[in-house]
């Protein structure tokens, strides 16, 4: 995926990542996804059609709050963390 669409990583403070995404959705709706390395990307929905569906966090509009975006990012982080835990 294009480097210029990167807005952060799951390793960062997720509030900051959510704030950057929220700033982008002021202008237009954005689809957000997380790749296999934990990099977070945002792109116009029509340009994100080739993103694997299991990477998609959601499509956010100007009505979406920073808190809602952060909750969705945390859900992805929790899901991914399950794969990192060895029983």
C-alpha atoms as a PDB file:
ATOM      1  CA  UNK A   1       0.000   0.000   0.000  1.00  0.00           C
ATOM      2  CA  UNK A   2       1.134   3.525  -0.674  1.00  0.00           C
ATOM      3  CA  UNK A   3       3.473   5.037   1.911  1.00  0.00           C
ATOM      4  CA  UNK A   4       1.822   8.456   1.557  1.00  0.00           C
ATOM      5  CA  UNK A   5      -1.438   7.025   2.968  1.00  0.00           C
ATOM      6  CA  UNK A   6       0.190   5.918   6.238  1.00  0.00           C
ATOM      7  CA  UNK A   7      -1.181   7.642   9.348  1.00  0.00           C
ATOM      8  CA  UNK A   8       0.610   5.683  12.055  1.00  0.00           C
ATOM      9  CA  UNK A   9       1.081   2.241  13.545  1.00  0.00           C
ATOM     10  CA  UNK A  10      -0.586   0.072  16.166  1.00  0.00           C
ATOM     11  CA  UNK A  11       2.625   0.475  18.223  1.00  0.00           C
ATOM     12  CA  UNK A  12       2.007   4.213  18.700  1.00  0.00           C
ATOM     13  CA  UNK A  13      -0.273   5.915  21.196  1.00  0.00           C
ATOM     14  CA  UNK A  14      -3.605   5.186  19.487  1.00  0.00           C
ATOM     15  CA  UNK A  15      -5.169   8.489  20.505  1.00  0.00           C
ATOM     16  CA  UNK A  16      -2.620  10.284  18.302  1.00  0.00           C
ATOM     17  CA  UNK A  17      -3.329   7.977  15.375  1.00  0.00           C
ATOM     18  CA  UNK A  18      -7.074   8.496  15.857  1.00  0.00           C
ATOM     19  CA  UNK A  19      -6.582  12.283  15.914  1.00  0.00           C
ATOM     20  CA  UNK A  20      -4.690  12.168  12.606  1.00  0.00           C
ATOM     21  CA  UNK A  21      -7.455  10.079  11.059  1.00  0.00           C
ATOM     22  CA  UNK A  22     -10.111  12.432  12.444  1.00  0.00           C
ATOM     23  CA  UNK A  23      -8.357  15.399  10.834  1.00  0.00           C
ATOM     24  CA  UNK A  24      -8.460  13.611   7.481  1.00  0.00           C
ATOM     25  CA  UNK A  25     -12.172  12.814   7.709  1.00  0.00           C
ATOM     26  CA  UNK A  26     -13.023  16.481   8.198  1.00  0.00           C
ATOM     27  CA  UNK A  27     -12.589  16.888   4.439  1.00  0.00           C
ATOM     28  CA  UNK A  28     -14.073  13.560   3.245  1.00  0.00           C
ATOM     29  CA  UNK A  29     -14.912  10.038   4.325  1.00  0.00           C
ATOM     30  CA  UNK A  30     -11.902   7.759   4.663  1.00  0.00           C
ATOM     31  CA  UNK A  31     -11.480   3.995   4.830  1.00  0.00           C
ATOM     32  CA  UNK A  32      -8.917   2.968   7.420  1.00  0.00           C
ATOM     33  CA  UNK A  33      -7.021  -0.311   7.439  1.00  0.00           C
ATOM     34  CA  UNK A  34      -4.117  -1.976   9.208  1.00  0.00           C
ATOM     35  CA  UNK A  35      -1.657  -4.104   7.231  1.00  0.00           C
ATOM     36  CA  UNK A  36       0.140  -7.242   8.431  1.00  0.00           C
ATOM     37  CA  UNK A  37       2.963  -5.174   9.969  1.00  0.00           C
ATOM     38  CA  UNK A  38       0.632  -2.997  12.057  1.00  0.00           C
ATOM     39  CA  UNK A  39       0.893   0.096   9.851  1.00  0.00           C
ATOM     40  CA  UNK A  40      -2.332   2.132   9.778  1.00  0.00           C
ATOM     41  CA  UNK A  41      -3.482   3.663   6.491  1.00  0.00           C
ATOM     42  CA  UNK A  42      -6.341   5.945   5.408  1.00  0.00           C
ATOM     43  CA  UNK A  43      -7.645   6.455   1.910  1.00  0.00           C
ATOM     44  CA  UNK A  44     -10.801   7.554   0.118  1.00  0.00           C
ATOM     45  CA  UNK A  45     -13.231   4.607   0.100  1.00  0.00           C
ATOM     46  CA  UNK A  46     -13.232   4.297  -3.677  1.00  0.00           C
ATOM     47  CA  UNK A  47      -9.422   4.110  -3.688  1.00  0.00           C
ATOM     48  CA  UNK A  48      -9.316   1.441  -0.967  1.00  0.00           C
ATOM     49  CA  UNK A  49     -11.296  -1.164  -2.886  1.00  0.00           C
ATOM     50  CA  UNK A  50      -8.273  -3.470  -3.286  1.00  0.00           C
ATOM     51  CA  UNK A  51      -7.484  -3.592   0.427  1.00  0.00           C
ATOM     52  CA  UNK A  52      -8.036  -7.095   1.855  1.00  0.00           C
ATOM     53  CA  UNK A  53     -11.297  -7.056   3.810  1.00  0.00           C
ATOM     54  CA  UNK A  54      -9.664  -8.542   6.915  1.00  0.00           C
ATOM     55  CA  UNK A  55      -7.390  -5.484   7.115  1.00  0.00           C
ATOM     56  CA  UNK A  56     -10.234  -2.919   7.096  1.00  0.00           C
ATOM     57  CA  UNK A  57     -10.927  -1.139  10.383  1.00  0.00           C
ATOM     58  CA  UNK A  58     -13.822   0.909   9.006  1.00  0.00           C
ATOM     59  CA  UNK A  59     -14.933   3.840   6.922  1.00  0.00           C
ATOM     60  CA  UNK A  60     -15.207   7.042   8.917  1.00  0.00           C
ATOM     61  CA  UNK A  61     -16.955  10.336   8.173  1.00  0.00           C
ATOM     62  CA  UNK A  62     -16.896  13.792   9.727  1.00  0.00           C
ATOM     63  CA  UNK A  63     -19.562  12.599  12.193  1.00  0.00           C
ATOM     64  CA  UNK A  64     -17.133  10.049  13.678  1.00  0.00           C
ATOM     65  CA  UNK A  65     -15.473  11.012  16.955  1.00  0.00           C
ATOM     66  CA  UNK A  66     -11.811  10.521  17.843  1.00  0.00           C
ATOM     67  CA  UNK A  67     -12.970   8.196  20.614  1.00  0.00           C
ATOM     68  CA  UNK A  68     -14.898   5.990  18.202  1.00  0.00           C
ATOM     69  CA  UNK A  69     -11.893   5.711  15.894  1.00  0.00           C
ATOM     70  CA  UNK A  70      -9.630   4.885  18.834  1.00  0.00           C
ATOM     71  CA  UNK A  71     -12.045   2.169  20.036  1.00  0.00           C
ATOM     72  CA  UNK A  72     -11.960   0.549  16.592  1.00  0.00           C
ATOM     73  CA  UNK A  73      -8.152   0.712  16.454  1.00  0.00           C
ATOM     74  CA  UNK A  74      -7.927  -0.855  19.932  1.00  0.00           C
ATOM     75  CA  UNK A  75     -10.225  -3.674  18.817  1.00  0.00           C
ATOM     76  CA  UNK A  76      -7.854  -4.452  15.939  1.00  0.00           C
ATOM     77  CA  UNK A  77      -4.872  -4.314  18.297  1.00  0.00           C
ATOM     78  CA  UNK A  78      -6.552  -6.732  20.739  1.00  0.00           C
ATOM     79  CA  UNK A  79      -7.439  -9.123  17.928  1.00  0.00           C
ATOM     80  CA  UNK A  80      -3.903  -9.059  16.553  1.00  0.00           C
ATOM     81  CA  UNK A  81      -2.415  -9.479  20.048  1.00  0.00           C
ATOM     82  CA  UNK A  82      -4.174 -12.826  20.403  1.00  0.00           C
ATOM     83  CA  UNK A  83      -1.902 -14.153  17.668  1.00  0.00           C
ATOM     84  CA  UNK A  84       1.187 -12.984  19.574  1.00  0.00           C
ATOM     85  CA  UNK A  85       0.330 -14.778  22.823  1.00  0.00           C
ATOM     86  CA  UNK A  86       1.747 -18.267  23.146  1.00  0.00           C
ATOM     87  CA  UNK A  87      -0.250 -20.720  25.276  1.00  0.00           C
END
